[in-house]
PDB file of N, CA and C in Angstrom:
ATOM      1  N   UNK A   1     106.203  21.040  29.338  1.00  0.00           N
ATOM      2  CA  UNK A   1     106.655  22.608  30.114  1.00  0.00           C
ATOM      3  C   UNK A   1     105.948  23.600  29.379  1.00  0.00           C
ATOM      4  N   UNK A   2     105.143  24.434  29.973  1.00  0.00           N
ATOM      5  CA  UNK A   2     104.446  25.608  29.520  1.00  0.00           C
ATOM      6  C   UNK A   2     105.009  26.608  29.287  1.00  0.00           C
ATOM      7  N   UNK A   3     104.908  27.092  27.939  1.00  0.00           N
ATOM      8  CA  UNK A   3     105.323  28.178  27.407  1.00  0.00           C
ATOM      9  C   UNK A   3     104.809  29.551  27.391  1.00  0.00           C
ATOM     10  N   UNK A   4     105.302  31.013  27.900  1.00  0.00           N
ATOM     11  CA  UNK A   4     104.735  31.847  27.624  1.00  0.00           C
ATOM     12  C   UNK A   4     104.860  32.554  26.742  1.00  0.00           C
ATOM     13  N   UNK A   5     103.895  33.207  25.912  1.00  0.00           N
ATOM     14  CA  UNK A   5     103.920  33.684  24.748  1.00  0.00           C
ATOM     15  C   UNK A   5     103.295  35.451  24.829  1.00  0.00           C
ATOM     16  N   UNK A   6     103.627  36.278  24.136  1.00  0.00           N
ATOM     17  CA  UNK A   6     103.459  37.540  24.304  1.00  0.00           C
ATOM     18  C   UNK A   6     102.062  37.566  23.476  1.00  0.00           C
ATOM     19  N   UNK A   7     101.040  38.355  23.559  1.00  0.00           N
ATOM     20  CA  UNK A   7      99.648  38.428  22.527  1.00  0.00           C
ATOM     21  C   UNK A   7     100.188  38.989  21.195  1.00  0.00           C
ATOM     22  N   UNK A   8     101.044  39.544  21.261  1.00  0.00           N
ATOM     23  CA  UNK A   8     101.448  40.168  20.008  1.00  0.00           C
ATOM     24  C   UNK A   8     101.902  39.035  18.871  1.00  0.00           C
ATOM     25  N   UNK A   9     102.997  38.284  19.652  1.00  0.00           N
ATOM     26  CA  UNK A   9     103.667  37.136  19.125  1.00  0.00           C
ATOM     27  C   UNK A   9     102.668  35.928  18.656  1.00  0.00           C
ATOM     28  N   UNK A  10     101.861  35.954  19.705  1.00  0.00           N
ATOM     29  CA  UNK A  10     100.954  34.933  19.519  1.00  0.00           C
ATOM     30  C   UNK A  10      99.957  35.263  18.186  1.00  0.00           C
ATOM     31  N   UNK A  11      99.707  36.417  17.960  1.00  0.00           N
ATOM     32  CA  UNK A  11      98.623  36.766  17.009  1.00  0.00           C
ATOM     33  C   UNK A  11      99.679  36.814  15.489  1.00  0.00           C
ATOM     34  N   UNK A  12     100.826  36.730  15.450  1.00  0.00           N
ATOM     35  CA  UNK A  12     101.427  36.651  14.270  1.00  0.00           C
ATOM     36  C   UNK A  12     101.965  34.897  14.188  1.00  0.00           C
ATOM     37  N   UNK A  13     101.604  34.015  15.096  1.00  0.00           N
ATOM     38  CA  UNK A  13     102.379  32.632  15.034  1.00  0.00           C
ATOM     39  C   UNK A  13     101.057  31.825  15.259  1.00  0.00           C
ATOM     40  N   UNK A  14      99.902  32.330  15.244  1.00  0.00           N
ATOM     41  CA  UNK A  14      98.723  31.413  15.642  1.00  0.00           C
ATOM     42  C   UNK A  14      98.579  30.070  15.398  1.00  0.00           C
ATOM     43  N   UNK A  15      98.926  29.949  14.106  1.00  0.00           N
ATOM     44  CA  UNK A  15      98.895  28.741  13.098  1.00  0.00           C
ATOM     45  C   UNK A  15     100.058  27.673  14.094  1.00  0.00           C
ATOM     46  N   UNK A  16     100.812  28.142  14.068  1.00  0.00           N
ATOM     47  CA  UNK A  16     102.009  27.464  14.763  1.00  0.00           C
ATOM     48  C   UNK A  16     101.924  27.118  16.256  1.00  0.00           C
ATOM     49  N   UNK A  17     101.137  28.120  16.644  1.00  0.00           N
ATOM     50  CA  UNK A  17     100.964  27.632  18.178  1.00  0.00           C
ATOM     51  C   UNK A  17      99.788  26.664  18.369  1.00  0.00           C
ATOM     52  N   UNK A  18      98.711  26.914  17.178  1.00  0.00           N
ATOM     53  CA  UNK A  18      97.459  25.970  17.627  1.00  0.00           C
ATOM     54  C   UNK A  18      98.076  24.216  17.109  1.00  0.00           C
ATOM     55  N   UNK A  19      99.076  24.338  16.191  1.00  0.00           N
ATOM     56  CA  UNK A  19      99.862  23.248  15.843  1.00  0.00           C
ATOM     57  C   UNK A  19     100.105  22.409  17.173  1.00  0.00           C
ATOM     58  N   UNK A  20     101.177  23.332  17.950  1.00  0.00           N
ATOM     59  CA  UNK A  20     101.706  22.657  18.922  1.00  0.00           C
ATOM     60  C   UNK A  20     100.938  22.455  20.053  1.00  0.00           C
ATOM     61  N   UNK A  21      99.764  23.214  20.203  1.00  0.00           N
ATOM     62  CA  UNK A  21      98.998  22.811  21.252  1.00  0.00           C
ATOM     63  C   UNK A  21      98.203  21.677  21.008  1.00  0.00           C
ATOM     64  N   UNK A  22      97.742  21.521  19.608  1.00  0.00           N
ATOM     65  CA  UNK A  22      97.437  20.162  19.304  1.00  0.00           C
ATOM     66  C   UNK A  22      98.245  18.945  19.353  1.00  0.00           C
ATOM     67  N   UNK A  23      99.311  19.121  19.206  1.00  0.00           N
ATOM     68  CA  UNK A  23     100.321  17.990  19.470  1.00  0.00           C
ATOM     69  C   UNK A  23     100.663  17.931  20.942  1.00  0.00           C
ATOM     70  N   UNK A  24      99.689  18.544  21.964  1.00  0.00           N
ATOM     71  CA  UNK A  24      99.949  18.262  23.368  1.00  0.00           C
ATOM     72  C   UNK A  24     100.489  19.448  24.132  1.00  0.00           C
ATOM     73  N   UNK A  25     101.261  20.338  23.568  1.00  0.00           N
ATOM     74  CA  UNK A  25     101.712  21.508  24.294  1.00  0.00           C
ATOM     75  C   UNK A  25     100.656  22.702  24.869  1.00  0.00           C
ATOM     76  N   UNK A  26     101.166  22.942  26.182  1.00  0.00           N
ATOM     77  CA  UNK A  26     100.240  23.889  26.662  1.00  0.00           C
ATOM     78  C   UNK A  26     101.029  25.206  26.721  1.00  0.00           C
ATOM     79  N   UNK A  27     100.218  26.211  26.055  1.00  0.00           N
ATOM     80  CA  UNK A  27     100.797  27.733  25.939  1.00  0.00           C
ATOM     81  C   UNK A  27     100.146  28.504  26.632  1.00  0.00           C
ATOM     82  N   UNK A  28     100.567  29.326  27.260  1.00  0.00           N
ATOM     83  CA  UNK A  28      99.882  30.603  27.960  1.00  0.00           C
ATOM     84  C   UNK A  28     100.232  31.771  27.074  1.00  0.00           C
ATOM     85  N   UNK A  29      99.326  32.701  27.066  1.00  0.00           N
ATOM     86  CA  UNK A  29      99.150  33.971  26.334  1.00  0.00           C
ATOM     87  C   UNK A  29      99.050  34.974  27.245  1.00  0.00           C
ATOM     88  N   UNK A  30      99.974  35.876  27.165  1.00  0.00           N
ATOM     89  CA  UNK A  30     100.312  36.919  28.204  1.00  0.00           C
ATOM     90  C   UNK A  30     100.173  38.374  27.575  1.00  0.00           C
ATOM     91  N   UNK A  31     100.039  39.236  28.137  1.00  0.00           N
ATOM     92  CA  UNK A  31      99.869  40.736  27.929  1.00  0.00           C
ATOM     93  C   UNK A  31     100.942  41.340  29.169  1.00  0.00           C
ATOM     94  N   UNK A  32     102.015  41.870  28.677  1.00  0.00           N
ATOM     95  CA  UNK A  32     103.223  42.504  29.398  1.00  0.00           C
ATOM     96  C   UNK A  32     103.463  41.298  30.792  1.00  0.00           C
ATOM     97  N   UNK A  33     103.505  40.185  30.283  1.00  0.00           N
ATOM     98  CA  UNK A  33     104.207  39.231  31.221  1.00  0.00           C
ATOM     99  C   UNK A  33     103.003  38.722  32.209  1.00  0.00           C
ATOM    100  N   UNK A  34     101.656  39.173  32.183  1.00  0.00           N
ATOM    101  CA  UNK A  34     100.480  38.721  33.052  1.00  0.00           C
ATOM    102  C   UNK A  34      99.837  37.803  32.200  1.00  0.00           C
ATOM    103  N   UNK A  35      99.325  36.486  32.560  1.00  0.00           N
ATOM    104  CA  UNK A  35      98.851  35.356  31.642  1.00  0.00           C
ATOM    105  C   UNK A  35      97.548  36.066  31.490  1.00  0.00           C
ATOM    106  N   UNK A  36      96.921  35.594  30.380  1.00  0.00           N
ATOM    107  CA  UNK A  36      95.510  36.211  29.866  1.00  0.00           C
ATOM    108  C   UNK A  36      94.667  34.852  29.552  1.00  0.00           C
ATOM    109  N   UNK A  37      95.094  34.051  28.913  1.00  0.00           N
ATOM    110  CA  UNK A  37      94.850  32.817  28.201  1.00  0.00           C
ATOM    111  C   UNK A  37      95.748  31.513  27.860  1.00  0.00           C
ATOM    112  N   UNK A  38      95.035  30.430  28.268  1.00  0.00           N
ATOM    113  CA  UNK A  38      95.774  29.346  28.039  1.00  0.00           C
ATOM    114  C   UNK A  38      95.492  28.505  26.703  1.00  0.00           C
ATOM    115  N   UNK A  39      96.078  28.223  26.048  1.00  0.00           N
ATOM    116  CA  UNK A  39      96.120  27.247  24.933  1.00  0.00           C
ATOM    117  C   UNK A  39      96.419  25.927  25.051  1.00  0.00           C
ATOM    118  N   UNK A  40      95.691  24.986  24.812  1.00  0.00           N
ATOM    119  CA  UNK A  40      95.759  23.601  25.208  1.00  0.00           C
ATOM    120  C   UNK A  40      94.916  22.700  24.419  1.00  0.00           C
ATOM    121  N   UNK A  41      95.405  21.553  24.500  1.00  0.00           N
ATOM    122  CA  UNK A  41      94.815  20.281  23.250  1.00  0.00           C
ATOM    123  C   UNK A  41      93.566  20.296  23.768  1.00  0.00           C
ATOM    124  N   UNK A  42      92.567  19.698  23.031  1.00  0.00           N
ATOM    125  CA  UNK A  42      91.017  19.391  23.397  1.00  0.00           C
ATOM    126  C   UNK A  42      91.420  18.253  23.931  1.00  0.00           C
ATOM    127  N   UNK A  43      90.845  17.414  25.031  1.00  0.00           N
ATOM    128  CA  UNK A  43      90.506  16.341  25.440  1.00  0.00           C
ATOM    129  C   UNK A  43      89.573  15.547  24.034  1.00  0.00           C
ATOM    130  N   UNK A  44      90.332  14.269  23.990  1.00  0.00           N
ATOM    131  CA  UNK A  44      89.499  13.508  22.977  1.00  0.00           C
ATOM    132  C   UNK A  44      88.078  12.749  23.677  1.00  0.00           C
ATOM    133  N   UNK A  45      86.980  12.864  23.022  1.00  0.00           N
ATOM    134  CA  UNK A  45      85.648  12.295  23.393  1.00  0.00           C
ATOM    135  C   UNK A  45      85.750  10.801  23.653  1.00  0.00           C
ATOM    136  N   UNK A  46      85.140  10.262  24.547  1.00  0.00           N
ATOM    137  CA  UNK A  46      85.093   8.673  24.383  1.00  0.00           C
ATOM    138  C   UNK A  46      83.968   8.080  23.362  1.00  0.00           C
ATOM    139  N   UNK A  47      84.653   7.116  22.654  1.00  0.00           N
ATOM    140  CA  UNK A  47      83.901   6.813  21.640  1.00  0.00           C
ATOM    141  C   UNK A  47      82.347   6.243  22.006  1.00  0.00           C
ATOM    142  N   UNK A  48      81.252   6.495  21.276  1.00  0.00           N
ATOM    143  CA  UNK A  48      80.442   6.364  21.351  1.00  0.00           C
ATOM    144  C   UNK A  48      80.019   5.000  21.271  1.00  0.00           C
ATOM    145  N   UNK A  49      78.940   4.437  22.378  1.00  0.00           N
ATOM    146  CA  UNK A  49      78.699   3.163  22.816  1.00  0.00           C
ATOM    147  C   UNK A  49      77.460   3.007  21.988  1.00  0.00           C
ATOM    148  N   UNK A  50      77.357   2.079  20.829  1.00  0.00           N
ATOM    149  CA  UNK A  50      76.071   1.892  20.081  1.00  0.00           C
ATOM    150  C   UNK A  50      74.948   1.148  21.239  1.00  0.00           C
ATOM    151  N   UNK A  51      73.828   1.787  20.895  1.00  0.00           N
ATOM    152  CA  UNK A  51      72.578   0.607  21.987  1.00  0.00           C
ATOM    153  C   UNK A  51      72.880   0.942  23.342  1.00  0.00           C
ATOM    154  N   UNK A  52      73.315   2.223  23.615  1.00  0.00           N
ATOM    155  CA  UNK A  52      73.251   2.701  24.958  1.00  0.00           C
ATOM    156  C   UNK A  52      72.050   2.576  25.583  1.00  0.00           C
ATOM    157  N   UNK A  53      70.958   3.238  24.746  1.00  0.00           N
ATOM    158  CA  UNK A  53      69.641   3.458  25.396  1.00  0.00           C
ATOM    159  C   UNK A  53      68.642   2.550  24.757  1.00  0.00           C
ATOM    160  N   UNK A  54      69.028   1.179  24.406  1.00  0.00           N
ATOM    161  CA  UNK A  54      68.273   0.445  24.058  1.00  0.00           C
ATOM    162  C   UNK A  54      67.274  -0.235  25.066  1.00  0.00           C
ATOM    163  N   UNK A  55      66.333  -0.386  24.724  1.00  0.00           N
ATOM    164  CA  UNK A  55      65.178  -0.752  25.995  1.00  0.00           C
ATOM    165  C   UNK A  55      64.369   0.504  26.686  1.00  0.00           C
ATOM    166  N   UNK A  56      64.797   1.756  26.409  1.00  0.00           N
ATOM    167  CA  UNK A  56      64.271   2.783  26.836  1.00  0.00           C
ATOM    168  C   UNK A  56      62.887   2.693  26.382  1.00  0.00           C
ATOM    169  N   UNK A  57      62.038   3.024  27.205  1.00  0.00           N
ATOM    170  CA  UNK A  57      60.499   3.115  26.870  1.00  0.00           C
ATOM    171  C   UNK A  57      59.945   4.509  27.134  1.00  0.00           C
ATOM    172  N   UNK A  58      59.548   5.189  26.205  1.00  0.00           N
ATOM    173  CA  UNK A  58      58.662   6.607  26.306  1.00  0.00           C
ATOM    174  C   UNK A  58      57.373   6.383  26.381  1.00  0.00           C
ATOM    175  N   UNK A  59      57.076   6.781  27.718  1.00  0.00           N
ATOM    176  CA  UNK A  59      55.455   6.794  28.031  1.00  0.00           C
ATOM    177  C   UNK A  59      54.262   6.971  27.126  1.00  0.00           C
ATOM    178  N   UNK A  60      53.172   6.563  26.538  1.00  0.00           N
ATOM    179  CA  UNK A  60      52.685   7.111  25.749  1.00  0.00           C
ATOM    180  C   UNK A  60      52.049   8.524  26.014  1.00  0.00           C
ATOM    181  N   UNK A  61      52.156   8.957  27.210  1.00  0.00           N
ATOM    182  CA  UNK A  61      51.584  10.115  27.655  1.00  0.00           C
ATOM    183  C   UNK A  61      52.393  11.161  27.188  1.00  0.00           C
ATOM    184  N   UNK A  62      53.517  11.027  26.969  1.00  0.00           N
ATOM    185  CA  UNK A  62      54.657  11.982  26.176  1.00  0.00           C
ATOM    186  C   UNK A  62      53.817  12.493  24.739  1.00  0.00           C
ATOM    187  N   UNK A  63      52.972  11.719  24.203  1.00  0.00           N
ATOM    188  CA  UNK A  63      52.526  12.131  22.948  1.00  0.00           C
ATOM    189  C   UNK A  63      51.317  12.459  22.909  1.00  0.00           C
ATOM    190  N   UNK A  64      50.443  12.571  24.044  1.00  0.00           N
ATOM    191  CA  UNK A  64      48.922  12.971  24.365  1.00  0.00           C
ATOM    192  C   UNK A  64      48.872  14.245  24.243  1.00  0.00           C
ATOM    193  N   UNK A  65      47.795  14.628  23.658  1.00  0.00           N
ATOM    194  CA  UNK A  65      47.819  16.320  23.578  1.00  0.00           C
ATOM    195  C   UNK A  65      47.332  17.078  24.598  1.00  0.00           C
ATOM    196  N   UNK A  66      47.906  17.719  24.609  1.00  0.00           N
ATOM    197  CA  UNK A  66      47.952  18.804  26.047  1.00  0.00           C
ATOM    198  C   UNK A  66      46.267  19.624  26.226  1.00  0.00           C
ATOM    199  N   UNK A  67      46.507  19.693  27.814  1.00  0.00           N
ATOM    200  CA  UNK A  67      45.116  19.959  28.196  1.00  0.00           C
ATOM    201  C   UNK A  67      44.697  21.678  27.659  1.00  0.00           C
ATOM    202  N   UNK A  68      43.626  22.104  27.535  1.00  0.00           N
ATOM    203  CA  UNK A  68      43.346  23.357  26.971  1.00  0.00           C
ATOM    204  C   UNK A  68      44.108  24.477  28.094  1.00  0.00           C
ATOM    205  N   UNK A  69      44.138  24.403  29.288  1.00  0.00           N
ATOM    206  CA  UNK A  69      44.920  25.086  30.083  1.00  0.00           C
ATOM    207  C   UNK A  69      46.487  24.989  29.790  1.00  0.00           C
ATOM    208  N   UNK A  70      46.842  24.147  29.464  1.00  0.00           N
ATOM    209  CA  UNK A  70      48.252  23.974  29.171  1.00  0.00           C
ATOM    210  C   UNK A  70      48.648  24.607  28.122  1.00  0.00           C
ATOM    211  N   UNK A  71      47.624  24.621  26.920  1.00  0.00           N
ATOM    212  CA  UNK A  71      47.896  25.064  25.451  1.00  0.00           C
ATOM    213  C   UNK A  71      47.755  26.660  25.777  1.00  0.00           C
ATOM    214  N   UNK A  72      46.763  26.907  26.600  1.00  0.00           N
ATOM    215  CA  UNK A  72      46.907  28.564  26.742  1.00  0.00           C
ATOM    216  C   UNK A  72      48.182  28.989  27.148  1.00  0.00           C
ATOM    217  N   UNK A  73      49.008  28.343  28.277  1.00  0.00           N
ATOM    218  CA  UNK A  73      50.016  29.034  28.577  1.00  0.00           C
ATOM    219  C   UNK A  73      51.254  29.126  27.768  1.00  0.00           C
ATOM    220  N   UNK A  74      50.807  28.480  26.455  1.00  0.00           N
ATOM    221  CA  UNK A  74      52.035  28.904  25.532  1.00  0.00           C
ATOM    222  C   UNK A  74      51.339  29.551  24.633  1.00  0.00           C
ATOM    223  N   UNK A  75      50.243  30.137  24.428  1.00  0.00           N
ATOM    224  CA  UNK A  75      50.308  30.983  23.624  1.00  0.00           C
ATOM    225  C   UNK A  75      50.369  32.752  24.051  1.00  0.00           C
TER     226      UNK A  75
END
């Protein structure tokens, strides 16, 4: 269940509210009863898969010197 907290109370209890959000609770922060922001837990990123780009070939043209016209555009 989402709880609504007044902005003044949220400022005085921010650490506790963040702990509750990290535990999975969703908290709405409101001013005069109008919701302004939502405090919620971050989703956990998927674990990294080693070797995902194995076999990726970078063409030699990527390391070739630029044409003088292209160099002039960067200056």
